[in-house]
Amino acid sequence: MAASTDQRGPSGAAPPPPAWLDTKPLPIDLLPAGTVLHRIHRSTLAPVFFGPGKGSSPTNRFDSAGGRFGVLYVGMSLSGALAETILRNPQRLMVPASEITSRAATELRSQRDLRIVRVHGTGLQALGTDNAISTGPYEPCGQWADALWDHPDQPDGLAYQSRHDPGEICIALFERRDLTIAIDRTRLLTAILKDVAVLLDRYGKSISPSA
């Protein structure tokens, strides 16, 4: 007897933006100027980068599908920023030392209040989507970024659940002309190794001695 090809449960992909999105106010939360935002990045690269870069195809979850603007990804905590960069393989119990030695942690602050769309919790139903926007395939997410960028409310970005730790909130900041992000401080991960090890231990991970 042939196995059934019927799919059980959801497809895993978030629905595209609804046609009525522009007619409704967005669920927006205000991040006060000076709020610390955390970014993990290659130590050889600048901490403030609105990717993927001119002429480049979309790479990350909320990169503009139309390539009309750049996106800066940050975490609301160091733990969330780490989870989204070095904990992308959940079945790997040890994080290679090279993942640590090649990266830095930067604390950023906006020079003005940020108006951020809540793309998690109660915001999902208000927008007409579900949490697959944080965990599923990237294609609908770029469409959502474009739709929110174009919305009459003109938000500065969106907040979403970390795929690798749903208890953490991450932010995708849109590249807008009046948005200025200041660098507070940058530290190599090797300089805060004890803090990194404590955070990794919370996830049941450790650092491999090998590069």
N, C-alpha and C. Protein backbone atom coordinates (compact mmCIF):
# COMPACT_ATOMS: atom_id res chain seq x y z
N MET A 1 0.85 -1.20 0.00
CA MET A 1 0.00 0.00 0.00
C MET A 1 0.88 1.24 0.00
N ALA A 2 0.62 2.16 -0.91
CA ALA A 2 1.44 3.36 -1.02
C ALA A 2 1.23 4.27 0.18
N ALA A 3 2.32 4.87 0.62
CA ALA A 3 2.24 5.79 1.75
C ALA A 3 1.49 7.05 1.34
N SER A 4 0.72 7.59 2.27
CA SER A 4 -0.04 8.81 2.00
C SER A 4 0.90 9.99 1.84
N THR A 5 0.58 10.83 0.87
CA THR A 5 1.39 12.04 0.64
C THR A 5 0.74 13.27 1.26
N ASP A 6 -0.41 13.04 1.94
CA ASP A 6 -1.10 14.17 2.57
C ASP A 6 -0.22 14.76 3.67
N GLN A 7 -0.14 16.06 3.66
CA GLN A 7 0.66 16.75 4.68
C GLN A 7 -0.14 16.87 5.97
N ARG A 8 0.51 16.63 7.09
CA ARG A 8 -0.13 16.81 8.39
C ARG A 8 0.35 18.12 8.99
N GLY A 9 -0.58 18.92 9.45
CA GLY A 9 -0.22 20.16 10.13
C GLY A 9 0.12 21.29 9.16
N PRO A 10 0.60 22.41 9.72
CA PRO A 10 0.92 23.60 8.91
C PRO A 10 2.07 23.35 7.94
N SER A 11 2.17 24.22 6.95
CA SER A 11 3.23 24.10 5.95
C SER A 11 4.58 24.51 6.49
N GLY A 12 4.58 25.33 7.54
CA GLY A 12 5.84 25.82 8.10
C GLY A 12 6.21 27.20 7.62
N ALA A 13 5.56 27.69 6.57
CA ALA A 13 5.86 29.02 6.04
C ALA A 13 4.82 30.02 6.54
N ALA A 14 5.28 31.21 6.86
CA ALA A 14 4.36 32.27 7.29
C ALA A 14 3.52 32.73 6.10
N PRO A 15 2.27 33.13 6.34
CA PRO A 15 1.47 33.67 5.24
C PRO A 15 2.03 35.01 4.78
N PRO A 16 1.82 35.38 3.54
CA PRO A 16 2.29 36.69 3.06
C PRO A 16 1.48 37.81 3.70
N PRO A 17 1.94 39.05 3.59
CA PRO A 17 1.19 40.18 4.16
C PRO A 17 -0.22 40.25 3.58
N PRO A 18 -1.24 40.46 4.42
CA PRO A 18 -2.61 40.54 3.90
C PRO A 18 -2.85 41.84 3.14
N ALA A 19 -3.83 41.83 2.27
CA ALA A 19 -4.13 43.00 1.44
C ALA A 19 -4.56 44.20 2.28
N TRP A 20 -5.12 43.92 3.47
CA TRP A 20 -5.63 45.01 4.32
C TRP A 20 -4.58 45.63 5.22
N LEU A 21 -3.33 45.17 5.16
CA LEU A 21 -2.32 45.60 6.12
C LEU A 21 -2.16 47.12 6.18
N ASP A 22 -2.13 47.77 5.04
CA ASP A 22 -1.91 49.22 5.00
C ASP A 22 -3.07 50.02 5.59
N THR A 23 -4.22 49.38 5.76
CA THR A 23 -5.40 50.10 6.26
C THR A 23 -5.53 50.04 7.77
N LYS A 24 -4.68 49.28 8.43
CA LYS A 24 -4.76 49.09 9.88
C LYS A 24 -3.51 49.66 10.55
N PRO A 25 -3.65 50.23 11.76
CA PRO A 25 -2.46 50.68 12.50
C PRO A 25 -1.63 49.48 12.92
N LEU A 26 -0.33 49.63 12.90
CA LEU A 26 0.57 48.55 13.27
C LEU A 26 0.69 48.45 14.80
N PRO A 27 0.92 47.24 15.33
CA PRO A 27 1.20 47.09 16.75
C PRO A 27 2.64 47.53 17.03
N ILE A 28 2.80 48.76 17.43
CA ILE A 28 4.14 49.36 17.57
C ILE A 28 4.49 49.56 19.03
N ASP A 29 5.70 49.16 19.41
CA ASP A 29 6.26 49.42 20.73
C ASP A 29 7.37 50.45 20.59
N LEU A 30 7.48 51.32 21.59
CA LEU A 30 8.49 52.38 21.56
C LEU A 30 9.72 51.95 22.35
N LEU A 31 10.88 51.98 21.69
CA LEU A 31 12.16 51.78 22.37
C LEU A 31 12.77 53.16 22.60
N PRO A 32 12.92 53.57 23.86
CA PRO A 32 13.45 54.91 24.13
C PRO A 32 14.87 55.09 23.60
N ALA A 33 15.20 56.31 23.23
CA ALA A 33 16.56 56.63 22.82
C ALA A 33 17.54 56.20 23.90
N GLY A 34 18.65 55.63 23.50
CA GLY A 34 19.66 55.19 24.46
C GLY A 34 19.52 53.75 24.90
N THR A 35 18.42 53.08 24.50
CA THR A 35 18.27 51.66 24.83
C THR A 35 19.45 50.87 24.26
N VAL A 36 20.05 50.02 25.09
CA VAL A 36 21.20 49.23 24.64
C VAL A 36 20.72 48.07 23.77
N LEU A 37 21.32 47.95 22.61
CA LEU A 37 21.05 46.85 21.68
C LEU A 37 22.35 46.08 21.47
N HIS A 38 22.25 44.77 21.38
CA HIS A 38 23.44 43.92 21.35
C HIS A 38 23.63 43.30 19.97
N ARG A 39 24.87 43.34 19.52
CA ARG A 39 25.20 42.76 18.21
C ARG A 39 26.46 41.92 18.32
N ILE A 40 26.40 40.70 17.78
CA ILE A 40 27.56 39.83 17.65
C ILE A 40 27.97 39.85 16.19
N HIS A 41 29.24 40.09 15.93
CA HIS A 41 29.70 40.23 14.54
C HIS A 41 31.14 39.77 14.42
N ARG A 42 31.57 39.54 13.21
CA ARG A 42 32.97 39.21 12.96
C ARG A 42 33.83 40.38 13.43
N SER A 43 34.87 40.09 14.15
CA SER A 43 35.69 41.16 14.74
C SER A 43 36.41 41.99 13.69
N THR A 44 36.54 41.46 12.48
CA THR A 44 37.21 42.20 11.40
C THR A 44 36.26 43.13 10.66
N LEU A 45 34.96 43.08 11.00
CA LEU A 45 33.96 43.88 10.31
C LEU A 45 33.38 44.96 11.22
N ALA A 46 32.87 46.01 10.63
CA ALA A 46 32.25 47.09 11.39
C ALA A 46 30.97 46.56 12.06
N PRO A 47 30.71 46.99 13.29
CA PRO A 47 29.52 46.49 14.00
C PRO A 47 28.20 47.00 13.44
N VAL A 48 28.20 48.17 12.83
CA VAL A 48 26.97 48.73 12.26
C VAL A 48 26.98 48.49 10.76
N PHE A 49 26.14 47.56 10.32
CA PHE A 49 26.07 47.22 8.90
C PHE A 49 24.64 46.89 8.54
N PHE A 50 24.07 47.66 7.65
CA PHE A 50 22.73 47.39 7.16
C PHE A 50 22.86 46.56 5.89
N GLY A 51 22.67 45.25 6.06
CA GLY A 51 22.89 44.33 4.97
C GLY A 51 21.65 44.11 4.11
N PRO A 52 21.80 43.32 3.04
CA PRO A 52 23.02 42.59 2.67
C PRO A 52 24.04 43.40 1.89
N GLY A 53 23.76 44.63 1.58
CA GLY A 53 24.67 45.45 0.78
C GLY A 53 24.12 45.69 -0.61
N LYS A 54 24.48 46.82 -1.16
CA LYS A 54 23.96 47.21 -2.47
C LYS A 54 24.30 46.18 -3.54
N GLY A 55 23.29 45.77 -4.29
CA GLY A 55 23.50 44.82 -5.37
C GLY A 55 23.54 43.37 -4.94
N SER A 56 23.41 43.11 -3.62
CA SER A 56 23.45 41.74 -3.12
C SER A 56 22.05 41.18 -2.96
N SER A 57 21.91 39.89 -3.15
CA SER A 57 20.62 39.23 -2.97
C SER A 57 20.30 39.11 -1.49
N PRO A 58 19.00 39.04 -1.13
CA PRO A 58 18.63 38.86 0.28
C PRO A 58 19.30 37.62 0.87
N THR A 59 19.81 37.76 2.09
CA THR A 59 20.53 36.67 2.73
C THR A 59 19.86 36.24 4.03
N ASN A 60 19.55 37.20 4.89
CA ASN A 60 19.01 36.90 6.21
C ASN A 60 17.49 37.04 6.24
N ARG A 61 16.90 36.67 7.35
CA ARG A 61 15.45 36.49 7.45
C ARG A 61 14.63 37.68 6.96
N PHE A 62 14.93 38.87 7.45
CA PHE A 62 14.10 40.02 7.12
C PHE A 62 14.78 40.99 6.15
N ASP A 63 15.73 40.50 5.37
CA ASP A 63 16.30 41.33 4.31
C ASP A 63 15.20 41.68 3.31
N SER A 64 15.24 42.91 2.83
CA SER A 64 14.23 43.38 1.87
C SER A 64 14.17 42.47 0.64
N ALA A 65 12.98 41.96 0.34
CA ALA A 65 12.83 41.11 -0.84
C ALA A 65 13.13 41.87 -2.12
N GLY A 66 12.85 43.18 -2.10
CA GLY A 66 13.10 44.00 -3.28
C GLY A 66 14.45 44.68 -3.28
N GLY A 67 15.23 44.48 -2.22
CA GLY A 67 16.56 45.08 -2.14
C GLY A 67 16.55 46.59 -2.05
N ARG A 68 15.47 47.16 -1.50
CA ARG A 68 15.33 48.62 -1.48
C ARG A 68 15.96 49.29 -0.27
N PHE A 69 16.28 48.52 0.76
CA PHE A 69 16.87 49.09 1.97
C PHE A 69 17.65 48.00 2.70
N GLY A 70 18.57 48.42 3.55
CA GLY A 70 19.35 47.48 4.32
C GLY A 70 18.71 47.22 5.68
N VAL A 71 19.18 46.15 6.34
CA VAL A 71 18.63 45.76 7.64
C VAL A 71 19.79 45.46 8.59
N LEU A 72 19.69 45.99 9.80
CA LEU A 72 20.67 45.74 10.86
C LEU A 72 20.01 44.84 11.90
N TYR A 73 20.64 43.69 12.19
CA TYR A 73 20.08 42.73 13.13
C TYR A 73 20.75 42.86 14.49
N VAL A 74 19.94 42.99 15.54
CA VAL A 74 20.47 43.12 16.90
C VAL A 74 19.59 42.30 17.85
N GLY A 75 20.11 42.07 19.05
CA GLY A 75 19.35 41.40 20.09
C GLY A 75 19.06 42.36 21.23
N MET A 76 17.99 42.10 21.95
CA MET A 76 17.69 42.91 23.12
C MET A 76 18.58 42.53 24.30
N SER A 77 19.27 41.41 24.19
CA SER A 77 20.21 40.98 25.23
C SER A 77 21.41 40.32 24.57
N LEU A 78 22.49 40.20 25.32
CA LEU A 78 23.68 39.51 24.81
C LEU A 78 23.35 38.05 24.53
N SER A 79 22.54 37.45 25.40
CA SER A 79 22.16 36.05 25.22
C SER A 79 21.43 35.84 23.90
N GLY A 80 20.49 36.72 23.59
CA GLY A 80 19.75 36.59 22.34
C GLY A 80 20.63 36.77 21.12
N ALA A 81 21.56 37.72 21.20
CA ALA A 81 22.47 37.95 20.08
C ALA A 81 23.39 36.75 19.87
N LEU A 82 23.84 36.15 20.96
CA LEU A 82 24.68 34.95 20.85
C LEU A 82 23.90 33.78 20.26
N ALA A 83 22.68 33.59 20.73
CA ALA A 83 21.87 32.47 20.24
C ALA A 83 21.67 32.55 18.73
N GLU A 84 21.48 33.76 18.21
CA GLU A 84 21.20 33.94 16.79
C GLU A 84 22.45 33.83 15.91
N THR A 85 23.62 33.81 16.53
CA THR A 85 24.84 33.75 15.71
C THR A 85 25.63 32.46 15.89
N ILE A 86 25.88 32.06 17.13
CA ILE A 86 26.76 30.90 17.33
C ILE A 86 26.02 29.65 17.79
N LEU A 87 24.69 29.73 17.95
CA LEU A 87 23.93 28.55 18.37
C LEU A 87 22.93 28.13 17.29
N ARG A 88 23.33 28.26 16.06
CA ARG A 88 22.42 27.96 14.95
C ARG A 88 22.32 26.46 14.65
N ASN A 89 23.18 25.66 15.27
CA ASN A 89 23.11 24.21 15.12
C ASN A 89 22.76 23.60 16.48
N PRO A 90 21.48 23.35 16.76
CA PRO A 90 21.06 22.92 18.09
C PRO A 90 21.59 21.55 18.51
N GLN A 91 21.97 20.70 17.55
CA GLN A 91 22.46 19.37 17.91
C GLN A 91 23.96 19.33 18.16
N ARG A 92 24.60 20.47 18.02
CA ARG A 92 26.03 20.56 18.30
C ARG A 92 26.21 20.95 19.76
N LEU A 93 26.80 20.08 20.56
CA LEU A 93 26.93 20.33 21.99
C LEU A 93 28.11 21.23 22.33
N MET A 94 29.10 21.27 21.44
CA MET A 94 30.27 22.10 21.69
C MET A 94 30.41 23.13 20.58
N VAL A 95 30.59 24.37 20.97
CA VAL A 95 30.79 25.46 20.01
C VAL A 95 32.27 25.54 19.67
N PRO A 96 32.65 25.44 18.41
CA PRO A 96 34.07 25.52 18.05
C PRO A 96 34.69 26.82 18.55
N ALA A 97 35.91 26.71 19.04
CA ALA A 97 36.61 27.89 19.56
C ALA A 97 36.71 28.97 18.50
N SER A 98 36.80 28.57 17.23
CA SER A 98 36.92 29.55 16.15
C SER A 98 35.69 30.45 16.05
N GLU A 99 34.53 29.93 16.48
CA GLU A 99 33.31 30.74 16.47
C GLU A 99 33.40 31.86 17.50
N ILE A 100 34.20 31.64 18.52
CA ILE A 100 34.37 32.63 19.59
C ILE A 100 35.51 33.59 19.25
N THR A 101 36.64 33.05 18.85
CA THR A 101 37.83 33.88 18.63
C THR A 101 37.68 34.84 17.45
N SER A 102 36.76 34.55 16.55
CA SER A 102 36.59 35.38 15.35
C SER A 102 35.54 36.47 15.52
N ARG A 103 34.90 36.53 16.70
CA ARG A 103 33.77 37.44 16.86
C ARG A 103 33.95 38.44 18.00
N ALA A 104 33.16 39.49 17.91
CA ALA A 104 33.13 40.53 18.94
C ALA A 104 31.68 40.83 19.31
N ALA A 105 31.51 41.41 20.49
CA ALA A 105 30.19 41.85 20.95
C ALA A 105 30.20 43.37 21.06
N THR A 106 29.22 44.00 20.43
CA THR A 106 29.13 45.46 20.47
C THR A 106 27.79 45.88 21.05
N GLU A 107 27.84 46.87 21.94
CA GLU A 107 26.63 47.47 22.47
C GLU A 107 26.34 48.74 21.68
N LEU A 108 25.14 48.82 21.14
CA LEU A 108 24.73 49.94 20.30
C LEU A 108 23.60 50.71 20.98
N ARG A 109 23.47 51.98 20.63
CA ARG A 109 22.37 52.80 21.14
C ARG A 109 21.84 53.68 20.01
N SER A 110 20.53 53.79 19.95
CA SER A 110 19.93 54.71 18.98
C SER A 110 19.94 56.12 19.54
N GLN A 111 20.13 57.09 18.66
CA GLN A 111 20.16 58.48 19.07
C GLN A 111 18.75 59.05 19.24
N ARG A 112 17.74 58.31 18.86
CA ARG A 112 16.35 58.75 19.03
C ARG A 112 15.48 57.56 19.38
N ASP A 113 14.24 57.84 19.78
CA ASP A 113 13.30 56.76 20.05
C ASP A 113 13.08 55.93 18.79
N LEU A 114 12.88 54.63 19.00
CA LEU A 114 12.63 53.72 17.88
C LEU A 114 11.21 53.18 17.96
N ARG A 115 10.53 53.20 16.84
CA ARG A 115 9.17 52.67 16.74
C ARG A 115 9.25 51.30 16.06
N ILE A 116 9.03 50.26 16.87
CA ILE A 116 9.29 48.89 16.45
C ILE A 116 7.99 48.08 16.38
N VAL A 117 7.76 47.45 15.24
CA VAL A 117 6.57 46.61 15.07
C VAL A 117 6.72 45.32 15.88
N ARG A 118 5.71 44.98 16.65
CA ARG A 118 5.72 43.77 17.48
C ARG A 118 5.28 42.57 16.64
N VAL A 119 6.26 41.87 16.08
CA VAL A 119 5.97 40.70 15.24
C VAL A 119 6.16 39.44 16.09
N HIS A 120 5.52 39.44 17.23
CA HIS A 120 5.52 38.29 18.15
C HIS A 120 4.37 38.51 19.12
N GLY A 121 4.03 37.49 19.89
CA GLY A 121 2.96 37.64 20.87
C GLY A 121 1.67 38.14 20.25
N THR A 122 1.06 39.14 20.91
CA THR A 122 -0.22 39.68 20.44
C THR A 122 -0.12 40.35 19.08
N GLY A 123 1.09 40.75 18.70
CA GLY A 123 1.27 41.42 17.42
C GLY A 123 1.00 40.53 16.22
N LEU A 124 1.16 39.21 16.39
CA LEU A 124 1.00 38.30 15.26
C LEU A 124 -0.42 38.35 14.70
N GLN A 125 -1.42 38.22 15.57
CA GLN A 125 -2.80 38.24 15.11
C GLN A 125 -3.19 39.62 14.57
N ALA A 126 -2.65 40.67 15.19
CA ALA A 126 -2.96 42.03 14.73
C ALA A 126 -2.44 42.27 13.32
N LEU A 127 -1.36 41.57 12.97
CA LEU A 127 -0.75 41.73 11.65
C LEU A 127 -1.31 40.76 10.61
N GLY A 128 -1.90 39.66 11.09
CA GLY A 128 -2.40 38.66 10.17
C GLY A 128 -1.37 37.63 9.79
N THR A 129 -0.53 37.25 10.76
CA THR A 129 0.48 36.23 10.50
C THR A 129 0.59 35.30 11.70
N ASP A 130 1.55 34.39 11.68
CA ASP A 130 1.79 33.52 12.82
C ASP A 130 3.29 33.43 13.08
N ASN A 131 3.68 32.63 14.09
CA ASN A 131 5.08 32.65 14.49
C ASN A 131 6.02 31.94 13.53
N ALA A 132 5.47 31.39 12.45
CA ALA A 132 6.35 30.86 11.40
C ALA A 132 7.20 31.97 10.80
N ILE A 133 6.79 33.21 11.01
CA ILE A 133 7.58 34.34 10.51
C ILE A 133 8.93 34.42 11.22
N SER A 134 9.02 33.82 12.42
CA SER A 134 10.29 33.79 13.16
C SER A 134 11.05 32.49 13.00
N THR A 135 10.37 31.45 12.52
CA THR A 135 10.99 30.13 12.50
C THR A 135 10.99 29.45 11.14
N GLY A 136 10.12 29.87 10.24
CA GLY A 136 9.96 29.18 8.96
C GLY A 136 10.86 29.70 7.86
N PRO A 137 10.58 29.31 6.62
CA PRO A 137 11.36 29.75 5.47
C PRO A 137 11.42 31.27 5.37
N TYR A 138 12.50 31.77 4.78
CA TYR A 138 12.75 33.21 4.75
C TYR A 138 11.90 33.98 3.72
N GLU A 139 11.44 33.31 2.67
CA GLU A 139 10.83 34.03 1.56
C GLU A 139 9.69 34.97 1.98
N PRO A 140 8.71 34.52 2.78
CA PRO A 140 7.65 35.45 3.16
C PRO A 140 8.16 36.59 4.04
N CYS A 141 9.24 36.35 4.77
CA CYS A 141 9.75 37.35 5.71
C CYS A 141 10.25 38.60 4.99
N GLY A 142 10.90 38.41 3.86
CA GLY A 142 11.34 39.56 3.07
C GLY A 142 10.17 40.36 2.54
N GLN A 143 9.08 39.66 2.19
CA GLN A 143 7.87 40.36 1.76
C GLN A 143 7.29 41.18 2.90
N TRP A 144 7.33 40.62 4.10
CA TRP A 144 6.85 41.33 5.28
C TRP A 144 7.71 42.56 5.56
N ALA A 145 9.01 42.43 5.44
CA ALA A 145 9.89 43.58 5.67
C ALA A 145 9.54 44.72 4.71
N ASP A 146 9.33 44.39 3.44
CA ASP A 146 8.97 45.41 2.46
C ASP A 146 7.62 46.05 2.79
N ALA A 147 6.65 45.21 3.19
CA ALA A 147 5.31 45.72 3.49
C ALA A 147 5.32 46.64 4.71
N LEU A 148 6.09 46.28 5.73
CA LEU A 148 6.17 47.12 6.93
C LEU A 148 6.95 48.40 6.64
N TRP A 149 7.99 48.30 5.83
CA TRP A 149 8.75 49.49 5.42
C TRP A 149 7.84 50.50 4.72
N ASP A 150 6.95 50.01 3.87
CA ASP A 150 6.06 50.87 3.08
C ASP A 150 4.83 51.35 3.85
N HIS A 151 4.55 50.75 4.99
CA HIS A 151 3.32 51.05 5.73
C HIS A 151 3.25 52.53 6.10
N PRO A 152 2.05 53.13 6.07
CA PRO A 152 1.91 54.55 6.43
C PRO A 152 2.45 54.90 7.81
N ASP A 153 2.50 53.94 8.74
CA ASP A 153 3.03 54.21 10.08
C ASP A 153 4.55 54.42 10.08
N GLN A 154 5.22 54.01 9.01
CA GLN A 154 6.67 54.21 8.85
C GLN A 154 7.48 53.77 10.08
N PRO A 155 7.42 52.49 10.45
CA PRO A 155 8.19 52.01 11.60
C PRO A 155 9.69 51.97 11.30
N ASP A 156 10.47 51.88 12.38
CA ASP A 156 11.93 51.82 12.25
C ASP A 156 12.45 50.39 12.12
N GLY A 157 11.58 49.43 12.34
CA GLY A 157 12.01 48.04 12.27
C GLY A 157 10.97 47.15 12.90
N LEU A 158 11.35 45.91 13.14
CA LEU A 158 10.42 44.95 13.72
C LEU A 158 11.11 44.09 14.76
N ALA A 159 10.34 43.65 15.75
CA ALA A 159 10.84 42.77 16.80
C ALA A 159 10.24 41.38 16.60
N TYR A 160 11.06 40.36 16.75
CA TYR A 160 10.62 38.99 16.52
C TYR A 160 11.31 38.05 17.50
N GLN A 161 10.74 36.87 17.68
CA GLN A 161 11.33 35.87 18.56
C GLN A 161 12.57 35.25 17.92
N SER A 162 13.59 35.05 18.74
CA SER A 162 14.75 34.30 18.26
C SER A 162 14.33 32.88 17.92
N ARG A 163 14.72 32.41 16.76
CA ARG A 163 14.41 31.03 16.38
C ARG A 163 15.13 30.05 17.29
N HIS A 164 16.29 30.43 17.77
CA HIS A 164 17.13 29.51 18.53
C HIS A 164 16.94 29.62 20.03
N ASP A 165 16.18 30.60 20.49
CA ASP A 165 15.75 30.74 21.88
C ASP A 165 14.51 31.62 21.88
N PRO A 166 13.32 31.03 21.81
CA PRO A 166 12.09 31.81 21.71
C PRO A 166 11.85 32.74 22.90
N GLY A 167 12.61 32.56 23.97
CA GLY A 167 12.49 33.46 25.11
C GLY A 167 13.20 34.78 24.89
N GLU A 168 13.94 34.89 23.81
CA GLU A 168 14.70 36.11 23.50
C GLU A 168 14.06 36.85 22.32
N ILE A 169 14.11 38.18 22.41
CA ILE A 169 13.56 39.02 21.34
C ILE A 169 14.71 39.67 20.57
N CYS A 170 14.63 39.59 19.27
CA CYS A 170 15.62 40.22 18.38
C CYS A 170 14.93 41.31 17.57
N ILE A 171 15.72 42.19 17.01
CA ILE A 171 15.17 43.31 16.26
C ILE A 171 15.87 43.42 14.91
N ALA A 172 15.08 43.64 13.88
CA ALA A 172 15.59 43.95 12.55
C ALA A 172 15.32 45.43 12.31
N LEU A 173 16.37 46.25 12.31
CA LEU A 173 16.24 47.69 12.11
C LEU A 173 16.33 48.04 10.64
N PHE A 174 15.41 48.86 10.18
CA PHE A 174 15.41 49.29 8.79
C PHE A 174 16.36 50.46 8.59
N GLU A 175 16.99 50.49 7.44
CA GLU A 175 17.90 51.58 7.08
C GLU A 175 17.07 52.79 6.64
N ARG A 176 16.91 53.73 7.55
CA ARG A 176 16.19 54.97 7.24
C ARG A 176 17.13 56.15 7.40
N ARG A 177 16.87 57.21 6.63
CA ARG A 177 17.79 58.34 6.57
C ARG A 177 18.01 59.02 7.92
N ASP A 178 16.97 59.07 8.74
CA ASP A 178 17.08 59.79 10.01
C ASP A 178 17.44 58.88 11.18
N LEU A 179 17.84 57.65 10.89
CA LEU A 179 18.20 56.70 11.94
C LEU A 179 19.72 56.69 12.14
N THR A 180 20.15 57.08 13.34
CA THR A 180 21.57 57.09 13.66
C THR A 180 21.82 56.13 14.82
N ILE A 181 22.71 55.18 14.61
CA ILE A 181 23.06 54.20 15.63
C ILE A 181 24.48 54.48 16.12
N ALA A 182 24.62 54.69 17.42
CA ALA A 182 25.93 54.98 18.01
C ALA A 182 26.53 53.72 18.61
N ILE A 183 27.84 53.60 18.50
CA ILE A 183 28.57 52.48 19.09
C ILE A 183 28.95 52.85 20.51
N ASP A 184 28.48 52.07 21.48
CA ASP A 184 28.80 52.32 22.89
C ASP A 184 30.16 51.71 23.22
N ARG A 185 30.27 50.40 23.03
CA ARG A 185 31.57 49.74 23.24
C ARG A 185 31.59 48.42 22.48
N THR A 186 32.79 48.02 22.10
CA THR A 186 33.01 46.75 21.42
C THR A 186 34.05 45.96 22.19
N ARG A 187 33.73 44.67 22.43
CA ARG A 187 34.67 43.80 23.13
C ARG A 187 34.78 42.48 22.37
N LEU A 188 36.00 41.99 22.23
CA LEU A 188 36.18 40.66 21.66
C LEU A 188 35.51 39.64 22.57
N LEU A 189 34.93 38.60 21.99
CA LEU A 189 34.33 37.56 22.82
C LEU A 189 35.36 36.89 23.71
N THR A 190 36.60 36.85 23.25
CA THR A 190 37.66 36.26 24.08
C THR A 190 37.92 37.10 25.32
N ALA A 191 37.56 38.39 25.27
CA ALA A 191 37.77 39.28 26.42
C ALA A 191 36.66 39.12 27.46
N ILE A 192 35.54 38.53 27.06
CA ILE A 192 34.44 38.30 28.00
C ILE A 192 34.10 36.80 28.00
N LEU A 193 35.14 36.00 27.95
CA LEU A 193 34.97 34.55 27.78
C LEU A 193 34.16 33.93 28.93
N LYS A 194 34.38 34.41 30.15
CA LYS A 194 33.63 33.86 31.29
C LYS A 194 32.14 34.11 31.13
N ASP A 195 31.79 35.32 30.70
CA ASP A 195 30.37 35.64 30.49
C ASP A 195 29.78 34.77 29.38
N VAL A 196 30.55 34.59 28.31
CA VAL A 196 30.09 33.77 27.19
C VAL A 196 29.90 32.32 27.65
N ALA A 197 30.84 31.80 28.43
CA ALA A 197 30.76 30.42 28.91
C ALA A 197 29.54 30.22 29.79
N VAL A 198 29.24 31.20 30.64
CA VAL A 198 28.06 31.11 31.51
C VAL A 198 26.78 31.06 30.68
N LEU A 199 26.70 31.91 29.66
CA LEU A 199 25.53 31.92 28.80
C LEU A 199 25.39 30.61 28.03
N LEU A 200 26.51 30.10 27.51
CA LEU A 200 26.46 28.84 26.78
C LEU A 200 26.03 27.70 27.68
N ASP A 201 26.48 27.73 28.94
CA ASP A 201 26.12 26.67 29.89
C ASP A 201 24.61 26.63 30.12
N ARG A 202 23.97 27.78 30.06
CA ARG A 202 22.51 27.82 30.21
C ARG A 202 21.82 27.03 29.11
N TYR A 203 22.46 26.94 27.96
CA TYR A 203 21.91 26.20 26.82
C TYR A 203 22.45 24.77 26.74
N GLY A 204 23.21 24.37 27.76
CA GLY A 204 23.78 23.03 27.74
C GLY A 204 24.93 22.89 26.77
N LYS A 205 25.60 23.99 26.48
CA LYS A 205 26.71 23.99 25.52
C LYS A 205 28.02 24.36 26.22
N SER A 206 29.11 24.02 25.57
CA SER A 206 30.44 24.42 26.04
C SER A 206 31.29 24.77 24.82
N ILE A 207 32.47 25.30 25.09
CA ILE A 207 33.37 25.71 24.01
C ILE A 207 34.38 24.61 23.74
N SER A 208 34.48 24.20 22.48
CA SER A 208 35.46 23.19 22.10
C SER A 208 36.85 23.79 22.15
N PRO A 209 37.83 23.04 22.66
CA PRO A 209 39.20 23.56 22.69
C PRO A 209 39.83 23.63 21.30
N SER A 210 39.26 22.91 20.34
CA SER A 210 39.84 22.90 18.99
C SER A 210 39.28 24.05 18.18
N ALA A 211 40.09 24.57 17.22
CA ALA A 211 39.65 25.69 16.38
C ALA A 211 38.67 25.21 15.34
